[in-house]
Amino acid sequence: MSKKMWIAIMAVAGLLMMGCGVSTNEPHSRTVAVSSAPSTSTAPLSAEVNHDIVYSNGLSLQVSGLYRYVPSDAATASGMPPHTGAVRFTLKLTNGTNTDFNTALCTVKMRYGKDGKTAERTFDYNANIGMGVEGTVAATQAVSAEYAFWVPDGPLELMVIEVVPGILYKSALFTGALT
C-alpha cells in the first residue's frame, strides 16, 4: 500500500471517528429532572409505561396501553400456537426535531420476569398488529403502531420494553407489570 493511500485512509478514519463521537441525541425524560448539559453516560434511559422519554433533539417516545390479549389464528411466531397468551401495547414516536425522521432502524424488544427472559414478537394482522412504526415522520408529526409479544399466562410483575429509535440513539427502557 502506498504512503498516499495510507494517509488518505487514516484521514477518512479520523473524520469518521470525530463524527461518531458527537451526538445531539442524548435522551432526557420528562419524568426526571435533568441538567441541560449533555450526558456522557452510556446507560439507557428508563421510564414507566405511559410516560414519555424525550431526546435532546426533540424526538420523543411513549409506550402505552400495556394489556394482555388473545392472538387470533393469523398471529405468527415460531413455535407458538394461536390463542396463546400475549401482551399488546402502543408505541408512539413524536418527531419534535426540525428535520424528517426515518424509522427504518427503529427496534422494539421485550423482556419479562426477574430473570429477563426474552419475549418473542408476534404479528397479528387480524388485530392490526403489523410491522410496527414505518416510513418517514415529518418534523413536528407523530406515528403510532401496535406491538405484541408472546408471554406466559399468569401475572407478570416485571416487563421491560426496549425501544431504540435509531443507531445514534441510546436505548429507551419502559417498565410495566400485569397482575
Foldseek 3Di string as FASTA:
>chain_A
DDPVVVVVVVVVVVVVVVVLVDDQFQKDFPVDDDDLDGDPDLAAAEDAAPGWIATRQGKIKHKHDKDKDFADCQKDDPPDGGRAIKIKIKMKIFAQHQAKAFQPAKDKWKFFDPVGHTWAWMAHVVVQAHDFDGGIAGHRGMDMHMTMTGDHDDWTAWMWMWIDRHPSHRIYIYIDIGD
